[in-house]
Every structure is written in C-alpha cells, then in structure tokens.
Amino acid sequence: MSPKEVAVRLGISERSVREKVYQGVWPHLRFDKRTVRFSQENLDEIISMAYRSGSLTPQPAVEMDEGAALAMLLQSRKTG
C-alpha cells in the first residue's frame, strides 16, 4: 500500500508517514529512490510499535459501515 493509504488507515497525514520513513523509524519497502510502499506486515509492525510506545491505546471495536466511518473521520479532523 502507498504512504497515502497508510495515512488514511492510521488517521494521520501523508507527510507524517513519509517523515517516519525518511527518519528510518517505520518499516517499509523501497523500490527505488522515490517509490515507498508498505506491506500488511509493515503496517501491523507500525501499529505494534505505537502500542508498545504508549502512543496508542486499545479502543473497543465498534462496527459501522464505510459511510459512517468516513463521516466520523471527517468530523474528528474538523474538531481536532
């Protein structure tokens, strides 16, 4: 997946994702000087790293459809 896709999944900016890559903090796949991609295993490791560092705390699972999830994300970006 692309840095943009990772950013959407994690609810952060694409710039933040790229900064972590360039700092060598996050695992990723590099195909050439400019092309960075993430495997599902990379994303799982990034999430695990965040839990271990305390920057993420587990939240109860809430089931919602895609539209509700998008609305919730957009609302959180307006208020946050």
PDB file of N, CA and C in Angstrom:
ATOM      1  N   MET A   1       0.836  -1.167   0.000  1.00  0.00           N
ATOM      2  CA  MET A   1       0.000   0.000   0.000  1.00  0.00           C
ATOM      3  C   MET A   1       0.887   1.239   0.000  1.00  0.00           C
ATOM      4  N   SER A   2       0.344   2.327  -0.466  1.00  0.00           N
ATOM      5  CA  SER A   2       1.100   3.566  -0.612  1.00  0.00           C
ATOM      6  C   SER A   2       1.150   4.325   0.721  1.00  0.00           C
ATOM      7  N   PRO A   3       2.042   5.308   0.837  1.00  0.00           N
ATOM      8  CA  PRO A   3       2.047   6.152   2.042  1.00  0.00           C
ATOM      9  C   PRO A   3       0.692   6.829   2.281  1.00  0.00           C
ATOM     10  N   LYS A   4       0.024   7.218   1.221  1.00  0.00           N
ATOM     11  CA  LYS A   4      -1.297   7.846   1.368  1.00  0.00           C
ATOM     12  C   LYS A   4      -2.303   6.869   1.967  1.00  0.00           C
ATOM     13  N   GLU A   5      -2.291   5.620   1.498  1.00  0.00           N
ATOM     14  CA  GLU A   5      -3.202   4.604   2.036  1.00  0.00           C
ATOM     15  C   GLU A   5      -2.911   4.332   3.513  1.00  0.00           C
ATOM     16  N   VAL A   6      -1.639   4.286   3.872  1.00  0.00           N
ATOM     17  CA  VAL A   6      -1.260   4.081   5.277  1.00  0.00           C
ATOM     18  C   VAL A   6      -1.748   5.263   6.112  1.00  0.00           C
ATOM     19  N   ALA A   7      -1.577   6.467   5.601  1.00  0.00           N
ATOM     20  CA  ALA A   7      -2.020   7.662   6.312  1.00  0.00           C
ATOM     21  C   ALA A   7      -3.521   7.605   6.585  1.00  0.00           C
ATOM     22  N   VAL A   8      -4.298   7.216   5.594  1.00  0.00           N
ATOM     23  CA  VAL A   8      -5.754   7.117   5.758  1.00  0.00           C
ATOM     24  C   VAL A   8      -6.093   6.062   6.806  1.00  0.00           C
ATOM     25  N   ARG A   9      -5.447   4.918   6.730  1.00  0.00           N
ATOM     26  CA  ARG A   9      -5.737   3.842   7.686  1.00  0.00           C
ATOM     27  C   ARG A   9      -5.388   4.224   9.114  1.00  0.00           C
ATOM     28  N   LEU A  10      -4.317   5.006   9.285  1.00  0.00           N
ATOM     29  CA  LEU A  10      -3.882   5.389  10.626  1.00  0.00           C
ATOM     30  C   LEU A  10      -4.486   6.712  11.094  1.00  0.00           C
ATOM     31  N   GLY A  11      -5.145   7.422  10.179  1.00  0.00           N
ATOM     32  CA  GLY A  11      -5.755   8.692  10.548  1.00  0.00           C
ATOM     33  C   GLY A  11      -4.744   9.806  10.787  1.00  0.00           C
ATOM     34  N   ILE A  12      -3.646   9.768  10.030  1.00  0.00           N
ATOM     35  CA  ILE A  12      -2.614  10.799  10.138  1.00  0.00           C
ATOM     36  C   ILE A  12      -2.328  11.349   8.748  1.00  0.00           C
ATOM     37  N   SER A  13      -1.478  12.354   8.677  1.00  0.00           N
ATOM     38  CA  SER A  13      -1.171  12.941   7.379  1.00  0.00           C
ATOM     39  C   SER A  13      -0.163  12.084   6.603  1.00  0.00           C
ATOM     40  N   GLU A  14      -0.230  12.203   5.305  1.00  0.00           N
ATOM     41  CA  GLU A  14       0.740  11.512   4.454  1.00  0.00           C
ATOM     42  C   GLU A  14       2.146  12.025   4.762  1.00  0.00           C
ATOM     43  N   ARG A  15       2.250  13.306   5.056  1.00  0.00           N
ATOM     44  CA  ARG A  15       3.557  13.883   5.398  1.00  0.00           C
ATOM     45  C   ARG A  15       4.159  13.198   6.630  1.00  0.00           C
ATOM     46  N   SER A  16       3.324  12.929   7.638  1.00  0.00           N
ATOM     47  CA  SER A  16       3.806  12.242   8.841  1.00  0.00           C
ATOM     48  C   SER A  16       4.323  10.850   8.509  1.00  0.00           C
ATOM     49  N   VAL A  17       3.611  10.152   7.632  1.00  0.00           N
ATOM     50  CA  VAL A  17       4.050   8.821   7.216  1.00  0.00           C
ATOM     51  C   VAL A  17       5.408   8.918   6.536  1.00  0.00           C
ATOM     52  N   ARG A  18       5.545   9.842   5.599  1.00  0.00           N
ATOM     53  CA  ARG A  18       6.806   9.991   4.871  1.00  0.00           C
ATOM     54  C   ARG A  18       7.956  10.396   5.797  1.00  0.00           C
ATOM     55  N   GLU A  19       7.677  11.233   6.790  1.00  0.00           N
ATOM     56  CA  GLU A  19       8.718  11.629   7.741  1.00  0.00           C
ATOM     57  C   GLU A  19       9.235  10.418   8.515  1.00  0.00           C
ATOM     58  N   LYS A  20       8.327   9.555   8.961  1.00  0.00           N
ATOM     59  CA  LYS A  20       8.739   8.348   9.692  1.00  0.00           C
ATOM     60  C   LYS A  20       9.585   7.434   8.814  1.00  0.00           C
ATOM     61  N   VAL A  21       9.240   7.374   7.529  1.00  0.00           N
ATOM     62  CA  VAL A  21      10.025   6.561   6.586  1.00  0.00           C
ATOM     63  C   VAL A  21      11.417   7.152   6.433  1.00  0.00           C
ATOM     64  N   TYR A  22      11.487   8.459   6.178  1.00  0.00           N
ATOM     65  CA  TYR A  22      12.776   9.102   5.939  1.00  0.00           C
ATOM     66  C   TYR A  22      13.656   9.108   7.185  1.00  0.00           C
ATOM     67  N   GLN A  23      13.036   9.104   8.368  1.00  0.00           N
ATOM     68  CA  GLN A  23      13.791   9.038   9.616  1.00  0.00           C
ATOM     69  C   GLN A  23      14.262   7.621   9.923  1.00  0.00           C
ATOM     70  N   GLY A  24      13.751   6.653   9.147  1.00  0.00           N
ATOM     71  CA  GLY A  24      14.132   5.254   9.367  1.00  0.00           C
ATOM     72  C   GLY A  24      13.429   4.622  10.549  1.00  0.00           C
ATOM     73  N   VAL A  25      12.325   5.230  10.994  1.00  0.00           N
ATOM     74  CA  VAL A  25      11.603   4.754  12.165  1.00  0.00           C
ATOM     75  C   VAL A  25      10.636   3.621  11.814  1.00  0.00           C
ATOM     76  N   TRP A  26       9.977   3.719  10.671  1.00  0.00           N
ATOM     77  CA  TRP A  26       8.955   2.748  10.301  1.00  0.00           C
ATOM     78  C   TRP A  26       9.453   1.780   9.233  1.00  0.00           C
ATOM     79  N   PRO A  27       9.096   0.497   9.373  1.00  0.00           N
ATOM     80  CA  PRO A  27       9.436  -0.482   8.343  1.00  0.00           C
ATOM     81  C   PRO A  27       8.663  -0.196   7.060  1.00  0.00           C
ATOM     82  N   HIS A  28       9.324  -0.408   5.941  1.00  0.00           N
ATOM     83  CA  HIS A  28       8.697  -0.131   4.645  1.00  0.00           C
ATOM     84  C   HIS A  28       9.470  -0.865   3.555  1.00  0.00           C
ATOM     85  N   LEU A  29       8.939  -0.816   2.368  1.00  0.00           N
ATOM     86  CA  LEU A  29       9.584  -1.391   1.190  1.00  0.00           C
ATOM     87  C   LEU A  29       9.960  -0.242   0.270  1.00  0.00           C
ATOM     88  N   ARG A  30      11.185  -0.221  -0.192  1.00  0.00           N
ATOM     89  CA  ARG A  30      11.612   0.834  -1.104  1.00  0.00           C
ATOM     90  C   ARG A  30      12.001   0.181  -2.427  1.00  0.00           C
ATOM     91  N   PHE A  31      11.348   0.605  -3.496  1.00  0.00           N
ATOM     92  CA  PHE A  31      11.587   0.019  -4.809  1.00  0.00           C
ATOM     93  C   PHE A  31      12.604   0.801  -5.619  1.00  0.00           C
ATOM     94  N   ASP A  32      12.689   2.089  -5.378  1.00  0.00           N
ATOM     95  CA  ASP A  32      13.727   2.931  -5.978  1.00  0.00           C
ATOM     96  C   ASP A  32      13.834   4.166  -5.092  1.00  0.00           C
ATOM     97  N   LYS A  33      14.547   5.170  -5.530  1.00  0.00           N
ATOM     98  CA  LYS A  33      14.785   6.338  -4.691  1.00  0.00           C
ATOM     99  C   LYS A  33      13.497   7.012  -4.211  1.00  0.00           C
ATOM    100  N   ARG A  34      12.456   6.992  -5.022  1.00  0.00           N
ATOM    101  CA  ARG A  34      11.226   7.713  -4.703  1.00  0.00           C
ATOM    102  C   ARG A  34      10.030   6.841  -4.337  1.00  0.00           C
ATOM    103  N   THR A  35      10.061   5.564  -4.669  1.00  0.00           N
ATOM    104  CA  THR A  35       8.887   4.710  -4.500  1.00  0.00           C
ATOM    105  C   THR A  35       8.946   3.929  -3.192  1.00  0.00           C
ATOM    106  N   VAL A  36       8.019   4.269  -2.290  1.00  0.00           N
ATOM    107  CA  VAL A  36       7.915   3.621  -0.991  1.00  0.00           C
ATOM    108  C   VAL A  36       6.548   2.950  -0.909  1.00  0.00           C
ATOM    109  N   ARG A  37       6.526   1.729  -0.430  1.00  0.00           N
ATOM    110  CA  ARG A  37       5.277   1.005  -0.235  1.00  0.00           C
ATOM    111  C   ARG A  37       5.349   0.276   1.101  1.00  0.00           C
ATOM    112  N   PHE A  38       4.177  -0.131   1.576  1.00  0.00           N
ATOM    113  CA  PHE A  38       4.075  -0.841   2.843  1.00  0.00           C
ATOM    114  C   PHE A  38       3.317  -2.141   2.633  1.00  0.00           C
ATOM    115  N   SER A  39       3.827  -3.217   3.209  1.00  0.00           N
ATOM    116  CA  SER A  39       3.090  -4.480   3.211  1.00  0.00           C
ATOM    117  C   SER A  39       2.150  -4.472   4.418  1.00  0.00           C
ATOM    118  N   GLN A  40       1.240  -5.408   4.468  1.00  0.00           N
ATOM    119  CA  GLN A  40       0.353  -5.521   5.633  1.00  0.00           C
ATOM    120  C   GLN A  40       1.191  -5.802   6.877  1.00  0.00           C
ATOM    121  N   GLU A  41       2.259  -6.579   6.718  1.00  0.00           N
ATOM    122  CA  GLU A  41       3.139  -6.872   7.844  1.00  0.00           C
ATOM    123  C   GLU A  41       3.824  -5.598   8.349  1.00  0.00           C
ATOM    124  N   ASN A  42       4.221  -4.706   7.419  1.00  0.00           N
ATOM    125  CA  ASN A  42       4.803  -3.422   7.821  1.00  0.00           C
ATOM    126  C   ASN A  42       3.798  -2.632   8.649  1.00  0.00           C
ATOM    127  N   LEU A  43       2.567  -2.552   8.176  1.00  0.00           N
ATOM    128  CA  LEU A  43       1.531  -1.795   8.883  1.00  0.00           C
ATOM    129  C   LEU A  43       1.264  -2.405  10.260  1.00  0.00           C
ATOM    130  N   ASP A  44       1.199  -3.724  10.334  1.00  0.00           N
ATOM    131  CA  ASP A  44       0.997  -4.392  11.628  1.00  0.00           C
ATOM    132  C   ASP A  44       2.128  -4.052  12.595  1.00  0.00           C
ATOM    133  N   GLU A  45       3.357  -4.020  12.109  1.00  0.00           N
ATOM    134  CA  GLU A  45       4.507  -3.694  12.953  1.00  0.00           C
ATOM    135  C   GLU A  45       4.465  -2.231  13.407  1.00  0.00           C
ATOM    136  N   ILE A  46       4.068  -1.328  12.525  1.00  0.00           N
ATOM    137  CA  ILE A  46       3.938   0.093  12.882  1.00  0.00           C
ATOM    138  C   ILE A  46       2.916   0.255  14.005  1.00  0.00           C
ATOM    139  N   ILE A  47       1.799  -0.429  13.883  1.00  0.00           N
ATOM    140  CA  ILE A  47       0.753  -0.355  14.911  1.00  0.00           C
ATOM    141  C   ILE A  47       1.266  -0.951  16.221  1.00  0.00           C
ATOM    142  N   SER A  48       1.968  -2.076  16.155  1.00  0.00           N
ATOM    143  CA  SER A  48       2.543  -2.688  17.359  1.00  0.00           C
ATOM    144  C   SER A  48       3.544  -1.755  18.028  1.00  0.00           C
ATOM    145  N   MET A  49       4.364  -1.082  17.222  1.00  0.00           N
ATOM    146  CA  MET A  49       5.335  -0.129  17.761  1.00  0.00           C
ATOM    147  C   MET A  49       4.612   0.997  18.503  1.00  0.00           C
ATOM    148  N   ALA A  50       3.504   1.462  17.945  1.00  0.00           N
ATOM    149  CA  ALA A  50       2.745   2.550  18.570  1.00  0.00           C
ATOM    150  C   ALA A  50       2.151   2.101  19.910  1.00  0.00           C
ATOM    151  N   TYR A  51       1.640   0.869  19.973  1.00  0.00           N
ATOM    152  CA  TYR A  51       1.106   0.353  21.233  1.00  0.00           C
ATOM    153  C   TYR A  51       2.213   0.220  22.269  1.00  0.00           C
ATOM    154  N   ARG A  52       3.356  -0.315  21.858  1.00  0.00           N
ATOM    155  CA  ARG A  52       4.477  -0.504  22.797  1.00  0.00           C
ATOM    156  C   ARG A  52       4.989   0.830  23.340  1.00  0.00           C
ATOM    157  N   SER A  53       4.981   1.864  22.499  1.00  0.00           N
ATOM    158  CA  SER A  53       5.485   3.166  22.930  1.00  0.00           C
ATOM    159  C   SER A  53       4.468   3.926  23.778  1.00  0.00           C
ATOM    160  N   GLY A  54       3.228   3.451  23.777  1.00  0.00           N
ATOM    161  CA  GLY A  54       2.188   4.120  24.543  1.00  0.00           C
ATOM    162  C   GLY A  54       1.482   5.230  23.784  1.00  0.00           C
ATOM    163  N   SER A  55       1.829   5.416  22.506  1.00  0.00           N
ATOM    164  CA  SER A  55       1.172   6.473  21.739  1.00  0.00           C
ATOM    165  C   SER A  55      -0.201   6.045  21.229  1.00  0.00           C
ATOM    166  N   LEU A  56      -0.510   4.762  21.342  1.00  0.00           N
ATOM    167  CA  LEU A  56      -1.846   4.252  21.011  1.00  0.00           C
ATOM    168  C   LEU A  56      -2.344   3.443  22.201  1.00  0.00           C
ATOM    169  N   THR A  57      -3.617   3.551  22.473  1.00  0.00           N
ATOM    170  CA  THR A  57      -4.221   2.709  23.491  1.00  0.00           C
ATOM    171  C   THR A  57      -5.365   1.944  22.855  1.00  0.00           C
ATOM    172  N   PRO A  58      -5.537   0.693  23.225  1.00  0.00           N
ATOM    173  CA  PRO A  58      -6.613  -0.101  22.621  1.00  0.00           C
ATOM    174  C   PRO A  58      -7.971   0.545  22.871  1.00  0.00           C
ATOM    175  N   GLN A  59      -8.791   0.520  21.864  1.00  0.00           N
ATOM    176  CA  GLN A  59     -10.152   1.042  21.949  1.00  0.00           C
ATOM    177  C   GLN A  59     -11.116  -0.103  21.652  1.00  0.00           C
ATOM    178  N   PRO A  60     -12.290  -0.075  22.258  1.00  0.00           N
ATOM    179  CA  PRO A  60     -13.262  -1.126  21.961  1.00  0.00           C
ATOM    180  C   PRO A  60     -13.678  -1.065  20.489  1.00  0.00           C
ATOM    181  N   ALA A  61     -13.866  -2.220  19.903  1.00  0.00           N
ATOM    182  CA  ALA A  61     -14.271  -2.285  18.497  1.00  0.00           C
ATOM    183  C   ALA A  61     -15.709  -1.805  18.352  1.00  0.00           C
ATOM    184  N   VAL A  62     -15.924  -1.013  17.330  1.00  0.00           N
ATOM    185  CA  VAL A  62     -17.260  -0.517  17.024  1.00  0.00           C
ATOM    186  C   VAL A  62     -17.524  -0.823  15.560  1.00  0.00           C
ATOM    187  N   GLU A  63     -18.607  -1.522  15.302  1.00  0.00           N
ATOM    188  CA  GLU A  63     -18.941  -1.832  13.919  1.00  0.00           C
ATOM    189  C   GLU A  63     -19.748  -0.698  13.317  1.00  0.00           C
ATOM    190  N   MET A  64     -19.331  -0.277  12.108  1.00  0.00           N
ATOM    191  CA  MET A  64     -20.069   0.751  11.385  1.00  0.00           C
ATOM    192  C   MET A  64     -19.801   0.584   9.909  1.00  0.00           C
ATOM    193  N   ASP A  65     -20.693   1.096   9.105  1.00  0.00           N
ATOM    194  CA  ASP A  65     -20.489   0.996   7.669  1.00  0.00           C
ATOM    195  C   ASP A  65     -19.447   2.027   7.229  1.00  0.00           C
ATOM    196  N   GLU A  66     -19.003   1.899   6.000  1.00  0.00           N
ATOM    197  CA  GLU A  66     -17.949   2.757   5.464  1.00  0.00           C
ATOM    198  C   GLU A  66     -18.327   4.238   5.506  1.00  0.00           C
ATOM    199  N   GLY A  67     -19.557   4.560   5.196  1.00  0.00           N
ATOM    200  CA  GLY A  67     -20.012   5.944   5.194  1.00  0.00           C
ATOM    201  C   GLY A  67     -19.956   6.560   6.587  1.00  0.00           C
ATOM    202  N   ALA A  68     -20.372   5.790   7.591  1.00  0.00           N
ATOM    203  CA  ALA A  68     -20.335   6.281   8.972  1.00  0.00           C
ATOM    204  C   ALA A  68     -18.894   6.471   9.423  1.00  0.00           C
ATOM    205  N   ALA A  69     -18.019   5.566   9.028  1.00  0.00           N
ATOM    206  CA  ALA A  69     -16.604   5.682   9.392  1.00  0.00           C
ATOM    207  C   ALA A  69     -15.984   6.928   8.765  1.00  0.00           C
ATOM    208  N   LEU A  70     -16.313   7.187   7.516  1.00  0.00           N
ATOM    209  CA  LEU A  70     -15.793   8.373   6.836  1.00  0.00           C
ATOM    210  C   LEU A  70     -16.319   9.642   7.492  1.00  0.00           C
ATOM    211  N   ALA A  71     -17.600   9.662   7.817  1.00  0.00           N
ATOM    212  CA  ALA A  71     -18.191  10.831   8.473  1.00  0.00           C
ATOM    213  C   ALA A  71     -17.522  11.078   9.824  1.00  0.00           C
ATOM    214  N   MET A  72     -17.254  10.014  10.550  1.00  0.00           N
ATOM    215  CA  MET A  72     -16.603  10.137  11.850  1.00  0.00           C
ATOM    216  C   MET A  72     -15.184  10.682  11.694  1.00  0.00           C
ATOM    217  N   LEU A  73     -14.458  10.188  10.703  1.00  0.00           N
ATOM    218  CA  LEU A  73     -13.104  10.658  10.439  1.00  0.00           C
ATOM    219  C   LEU A  73     -13.106  12.133  10.064  1.00  0.00           C
ATOM    220  N   LEU A  74     -14.001  12.530   9.183  1.00  0.00           N
ATOM    221  CA  LEU A  74     -14.078  13.930   8.756  1.00  0.00           C
ATOM    222  C   LEU A  74     -14.437  14.835   9.931  1.00  0.00           C
ATOM    223  N   GLN A  75     -15.363  14.392  10.770  1.00  0.00           N
ATOM    224  CA  GLN A  75     -15.751  15.187  11.931  1.00  0.00           C
ATOM    225  C   GLN A  75     -14.586  15.341  12.897  1.00  0.00           C
ATOM    226  N   SER A  76     -13.825  14.272  13.106  1.00  0.00           N
ATOM    227  CA  SER A  76     -12.693  14.352  14.040  1.00  0.00           C
ATOM    228  C   SER A  76     -11.607  15.284  13.510  1.00  0.00           C
ATOM    229  N   ARG A  77     -11.451  15.365  12.212  1.00  0.00           N
ATOM    230  CA  ARG A  77     -10.459  16.271  11.635  1.00  0.00           C
ATOM    231  C   ARG A  77     -10.906  17.720  11.745  1.00  0.00           C
ATOM    232  N   LYS A  78     -12.222  17.971  11.708  1.00  0.00           N
ATOM    233  CA  LYS A  78     -12.739  19.336  11.863  1.00  0.00           C
ATOM    234  C   LYS A  78     -12.529  19.827  13.295  1.00  0.00           C
ATOM    235  N   THR A  79     -12.766  18.939  14.252  1.00  0.00           N
ATOM    236  CA  THR A  79     -12.694  19.340  15.655  1.00  0.00           C
ATOM    237  C   THR A  79     -11.316  19.149  16.252  1.00  0.00           C
ATOM    238  N   GLY A  80     -10.488  18.339  15.617  1.00  0.00           N
ATOM    239  CA  GLY A  80      -9.186  18.015  16.203  1.00  0.00           C
ATOM    240  C   GLY A  80      -8.141  18.772  15.580  1.00  0.00           C
TER     241      GLY A  80
END
